[in-house]
Amino acid sequence: MHGDGPGVVLIHGWTCRRTDFDGVVADLARDHRVMALDLPWHGDSTATARHWTLIDLAAVVDAVAGAEGMRDAALVGHSMGAAVAVETVLAGTGHRVISLDGLTFMHMYPRQSEVAANAFLDPFRADFAGAIRLLCERAAGPGCDPALVSRMADAMCRTDPDVAIGMMDELMRWDMDAALDRAEEAGTAVHVFAASALLSEAAVARYGQRLSIVPVDLGGHFFPVEHPGATADLIRGALAG
């Protein structure tokens, strides 16, 4: 826990870890109370269960936020963490969701067919480390420091492959449209900062009326790590708005 002020809970992405937010936390804690946590099987977090749905992951965030007095916090999620944030709000914690390059990738969201999910996951089943590195290279976007791409890939590869693949399978089968329906009914705002280089017209066409999608030119998928100060300012602006 860092800082004092309005609460913000930071949720990392698939195979990532809370320390990816270190720069964001340091900046945002100047005027907010900030908590970043490791999801099960990520970073320093351990668990006995090996299969986790997004609802299960949200229950963990809900429990930790409750224990730390952060139930009224805004939930900020990077990549898969944005989906976990949506489910956490639906579980009763948080009053709004801010997505950092999540919820707009049409090959992961909305709910995928079994054929599409397996087509995406089969390379990870065959060569987890190789598929992770290729994913990082593609997601990083043009101009990203190769050293950062390598560092992110090395860290992501340390996640248990079977658990990680199971989580991604659950993400691809998550009914985002139904979850957004429930969020809208509850009056929950979902604000998306999407890397411009990776944002598709199809995502804007499908979700532009349901999500507040703002393209940002801070690099590729890992912009919260590349530009933590600017990312903290985006979060501040969304909360102030």
Protein backbone atom coordinates (compact mmCIF):
# COMPACT_ATOMS: atom_id res chain seq x y z
CA MET A 1 0.00 0.00 0.00
CA HIS A 2 1.36 3.41 -0.94
CA GLY A 3 0.25 7.03 -0.61
CA ASP A 4 -2.88 8.68 0.67
CA GLY A 5 -6.03 9.91 -1.04
CA PRO A 6 -8.68 8.31 -3.26
CA GLY A 7 -8.10 4.57 -3.60
CA VAL A 8 -6.76 2.87 -6.71
CA VAL A 9 -6.21 -0.88 -7.12
CA LEU A 10 -3.87 -1.95 -9.92
CA ILE A 11 -4.34 -5.38 -11.52
CA HIS A 12 -1.64 -6.72 -13.84
CA GLY A 13 -2.09 -8.70 -17.03
CA TRP A 14 -1.74 -12.35 -18.02
CA THR A 15 1.58 -13.90 -16.90
CA CYS A 16 2.70 -10.51 -15.60
CA ARG A 17 3.16 -9.21 -12.03
CA ARG A 18 2.48 -6.31 -9.71
CA THR A 19 6.02 -4.95 -10.07
CA ASP A 20 5.18 -4.00 -13.67
CA PHE A 21 3.31 -1.11 -12.03
CA ASP A 22 6.20 0.09 -9.84
CA GLY A 23 6.66 3.31 -11.79
CA VAL A 24 2.92 3.98 -11.95
CA VAL A 25 2.57 3.34 -8.21
CA ALA A 26 5.43 5.71 -7.35
CA ASP A 27 3.87 8.52 -9.38
CA LEU A 28 0.21 7.92 -8.54
CA ALA A 29 0.92 7.59 -4.81
CA ARG A 30 1.69 11.33 -4.68
CA ASP A 31 -2.05 12.00 -4.46
CA HIS A 32 -3.77 8.59 -4.23
CA ARG A 33 -3.77 5.55 -2.00
CA VAL A 34 -2.50 2.83 -4.32
CA MET A 35 -2.39 -0.94 -4.06
CA ALA A 36 -0.94 -3.33 -6.64
CA LEU A 37 -1.26 -7.07 -6.09
CA ASP A 38 -0.10 -10.32 -7.65
CA LEU A 39 -2.87 -12.56 -8.94
CA PRO A 40 -2.60 -16.28 -8.05
CA TRP A 41 0.38 -17.98 -9.71
CA HIS A 42 1.83 -14.62 -10.73
CA GLY A 43 4.83 -12.83 -9.26
CA ASP A 44 5.19 -13.69 -5.57
CA SER A 45 1.70 -15.14 -5.23
CA THR A 46 1.23 -18.83 -4.55
CA ALA A 47 -1.88 -21.00 -4.65
CA THR A 48 -2.93 -24.62 -4.36
CA ALA A 49 -5.69 -24.51 -6.99
CA ARG A 50 -4.42 -24.69 -10.55
CA HIS A 51 -7.57 -23.75 -12.47
CA TRP A 52 -8.79 -20.16 -12.23
CA THR A 53 -11.73 -18.48 -13.91
CA LEU A 54 -11.96 -14.71 -14.17
CA ILE A 55 -14.62 -14.81 -11.46
CA ASP A 56 -12.19 -16.73 -9.23
CA LEU A 57 -9.47 -14.14 -9.84
CA ALA A 58 -11.92 -11.33 -9.15
CA ALA A 59 -12.84 -12.98 -5.85
CA VAL A 60 -9.17 -12.78 -4.83
CA VAL A 61 -8.97 -9.08 -5.70
CA ASP A 62 -12.27 -8.51 -3.89
CA ALA A 63 -10.99 -10.25 -0.75
CA VAL A 64 -7.63 -8.44 -0.72
CA ALA A 65 -9.25 -5.05 -1.37
CA GLY A 66 -11.73 -5.68 1.42
CA ALA A 67 -8.98 -6.66 3.85
CA GLU A 68 -7.06 -3.48 3.01
CA GLY A 69 -10.05 -1.16 3.26
CA MET A 70 -10.09 -0.52 -0.50
CA ARG A 71 -13.63 -1.56 -1.44
CA ASP A 72 -14.44 1.92 -2.71
CA ALA A 73 -11.33 2.13 -4.90
CA ALA A 74 -11.19 2.56 -8.65
CA LEU A 75 -9.96 -0.60 -10.37
CA VAL A 76 -7.25 -0.22 -12.97
CA GLY A 77 -6.38 -3.30 -15.03
CA HIS A 78 -3.74 -3.86 -17.67
CA SER A 79 -4.64 -6.35 -20.42
CA MET A 80 -6.33 -9.38 -18.78
CA GLY A 81 -6.35 -7.37 -15.57
CA ALA A 82 -9.06 -5.16 -17.08
CA ALA A 83 -11.36 -8.17 -17.45
CA VAL A 84 -10.61 -9.14 -13.85
CA ALA A 85 -11.40 -5.55 -12.85
CA VAL A 86 -14.83 -5.75 -14.51
CA GLU A 87 -15.66 -8.94 -12.63
CA THR A 88 -14.32 -7.45 -9.38
CA VAL A 89 -16.71 -4.52 -9.66
CA LEU A 90 -19.52 -6.98 -10.26
CA ALA A 91 -18.41 -8.84 -7.11
CA GLY A 92 -18.94 -5.68 -5.07
CA THR A 93 -15.55 -3.95 -4.94
CA GLY A 94 -14.80 -0.71 -6.76
CA HIS A 95 -16.88 2.01 -8.35
CA ARG A 96 -15.32 2.26 -11.81
CA VAL A 97 -12.98 0.40 -14.16
CA ILE A 98 -10.03 1.85 -16.05
CA SER A 99 -8.52 -0.44 -18.67
CA LEU A 100 -4.94 -0.05 -19.85
CA ASP A 101 -4.92 -1.69 -23.28
CA GLY A 102 -7.44 -4.35 -22.39
CA LEU A 103 -10.98 -5.31 -23.53
CA THR A 104 -10.42 -4.23 -27.16
CA PHE A 105 -8.54 -7.16 -28.71
CA MET A 106 -11.10 -8.90 -30.87
CA HIS A 107 -9.21 -12.21 -30.96
CA MET A 108 -9.54 -12.42 -27.15
CA TYR A 109 -12.71 -10.40 -26.55
CA PRO A 110 -15.57 -10.89 -26.98
CA ARG A 111 -16.27 -14.54 -26.16
CA GLN A 112 -14.41 -16.81 -28.59
CA SER A 113 -15.55 -20.07 -30.12
CA GLU A 114 -13.78 -23.28 -29.15
CA VAL A 115 -12.12 -23.40 -32.57
CA ALA A 116 -10.83 -19.83 -32.28
CA ALA A 117 -9.65 -20.31 -28.70
CA ASN A 118 -7.73 -23.46 -29.55
CA ALA A 119 -6.17 -21.86 -32.63
CA PHE A 120 -4.76 -19.13 -30.38
CA LEU A 121 -3.73 -21.45 -27.53
CA ASP A 122 -2.18 -24.34 -29.47
CA PRO A 123 1.14 -22.53 -30.06
CA PHE A 124 1.44 -21.97 -26.30
CA ARG A 125 0.71 -25.63 -25.66
CA ALA A 126 3.41 -26.62 -28.12
CA ASP A 127 6.12 -24.13 -27.09
CA PHE A 128 5.10 -21.88 -24.21
CA ALA A 129 8.30 -19.83 -24.03
CA GLY A 130 8.53 -19.39 -27.78
CA ALA A 131 4.89 -18.32 -28.07
CA ILE A 132 5.29 -15.87 -25.17
CA ARG A 133 8.28 -14.23 -26.82
CA LEU A 134 6.46 -13.93 -30.14
CA LEU A 135 3.41 -12.47 -28.39
CA CYS A 136 5.59 -9.88 -26.64
CA GLU A 137 7.30 -8.88 -29.87
CA ARG A 138 3.99 -8.39 -31.64
CA ALA A 139 2.31 -6.61 -28.74
CA ALA A 140 5.19 -4.25 -27.97
CA GLY A 141 4.55 -2.18 -31.07
CA PRO A 142 7.02 -0.24 -33.19
CA GLY A 143 9.78 1.61 -31.37
CA CYS A 144 9.65 -0.38 -28.14
CA ASP A 145 13.07 -0.95 -26.57
CA PRO A 146 14.10 -4.54 -27.46
CA ALA A 147 15.61 -4.88 -24.00
CA LEU A 148 12.21 -4.16 -22.45
CA VAL A 149 10.54 -6.71 -24.72
CA SER A 150 13.13 -9.31 -23.70
CA ARG A 151 12.73 -8.46 -20.01
CA MET A 152 8.94 -8.72 -20.18
CA ALA A 153 9.12 -12.04 -22.05
CA ASP A 154 11.64 -13.50 -19.58
CA ALA A 155 9.38 -12.61 -16.66
CA MET A 156 6.21 -13.87 -18.35
CA CYS A 157 7.87 -17.19 -19.20
CA ARG A 158 8.36 -17.89 -15.49
CA THR A 159 4.62 -18.45 -15.02
CA ASP A 160 3.52 -22.10 -14.80
CA PRO A 161 2.52 -22.93 -18.41
CA ASP A 162 -0.43 -25.17 -17.59
CA VAL A 163 -1.95 -22.67 -15.18
CA ALA A 164 -1.31 -19.75 -17.53
CA ILE A 165 -2.84 -21.50 -20.53
CA GLY A 166 -5.87 -22.42 -18.44
CA MET A 167 -6.34 -18.77 -17.46
CA MET A 168 -6.07 -17.60 -21.05
CA ASP A 169 -8.58 -20.25 -22.08
CA GLU A 170 -10.97 -18.90 -19.46
CA LEU A 171 -10.39 -15.34 -20.67
CA MET A 172 -11.23 -16.29 -24.25
CA ARG A 173 -14.42 -18.02 -23.12
CA TRP A 174 -15.43 -15.15 -20.80
CA ASP A 175 -18.75 -13.59 -21.78
CA MET A 176 -17.61 -9.97 -21.83
CA ASP A 177 -20.82 -8.72 -23.41
CA ALA A 178 -22.90 -10.17 -20.57
CA ALA A 179 -20.48 -8.75 -17.99
CA LEU A 180 -20.70 -5.30 -19.58
CA ASP A 181 -24.49 -5.55 -19.56
CA ARG A 182 -24.37 -6.12 -15.80
CA ALA A 183 -21.86 -3.31 -15.32
CA GLU A 184 -24.08 -0.91 -17.26
CA GLU A 185 -27.10 -1.91 -15.20
CA ALA A 186 -25.09 -1.15 -12.06
CA GLY A 187 -24.04 2.23 -13.43
CA THR A 188 -20.36 1.30 -13.60
CA ALA A 189 -18.24 3.35 -15.99
CA VAL A 190 -15.60 1.48 -17.99
CA HIS A 191 -12.87 3.71 -19.40
CA VAL A 192 -10.37 2.21 -21.87
CA PHE A 193 -6.97 3.65 -22.76
CA ALA A 194 -5.96 1.68 -25.86
CA ALA A 195 -2.58 1.71 -27.59
CA SER A 196 -3.29 3.46 -30.89
CA ALA A 197 -1.06 1.12 -32.88
CA LEU A 198 -3.03 -1.91 -31.69
CA LEU A 199 -6.59 -0.57 -31.68
CA SER A 200 -8.74 -1.99 -34.47
CA GLU A 201 -11.68 -0.37 -36.21
CA ALA A 202 -13.67 -3.52 -35.47
CA ALA A 203 -13.23 -3.01 -31.72
CA VAL A 204 -14.32 0.62 -31.91
CA ALA A 205 -17.31 -0.30 -34.09
CA ARG A 206 -18.46 -3.00 -31.69
CA TYR A 207 -17.70 -1.42 -28.32
CA GLY A 208 -17.36 2.30 -28.94
CA GLN A 209 -20.86 2.98 -27.60
CA ARG A 210 -20.41 0.77 -24.53
CA LEU A 211 -16.87 1.62 -23.52
CA SER A 212 -15.22 5.02 -23.33
CA ILE A 213 -12.30 4.16 -25.66
CA VAL A 214 -9.45 6.67 -25.83
CA PRO A 215 -6.53 5.90 -28.19
CA VAL A 216 -3.16 6.82 -26.66
CA ASP A 217 0.20 7.24 -28.35
CA LEU A 218 2.50 5.97 -25.62
CA GLY A 219 3.87 2.94 -27.44
CA GLY A 220 2.45 -0.56 -27.62
CA HIS A 221 0.81 -2.94 -25.18
CA PHE A 222 3.39 -2.39 -22.46
CA PHE A 223 2.99 1.39 -22.29
CA PRO A 224 2.36 1.34 -18.50
CA VAL A 225 5.90 -0.03 -18.10
CA GLU A 226 7.42 2.17 -20.82
CA HIS A 227 5.78 5.41 -19.68
CA PRO A 228 4.65 5.08 -16.05
CA GLY A 229 4.38 8.80 -15.36
CA ALA A 230 2.22 9.44 -18.41
CA THR A 231 0.13 6.38 -17.51
CA ALA A 232 -0.41 7.72 -14.00
CA ASP A 233 -1.57 11.00 -15.52
CA LEU A 234 -4.06 9.14 -17.73
CA ILE A 235 -5.48 7.45 -14.65
CA ARG A 236 -5.69 10.78 -12.81
CA GLY A 237 -7.50 12.36 -15.71
CA ALA A 238 -10.02 9.54 -15.92
CA LEU A 239 -10.71 9.71 -12.19
CA ALA A 240 -11.07 13.48 -12.27
CA GLY A 241 -13.46 13.23 -15.20
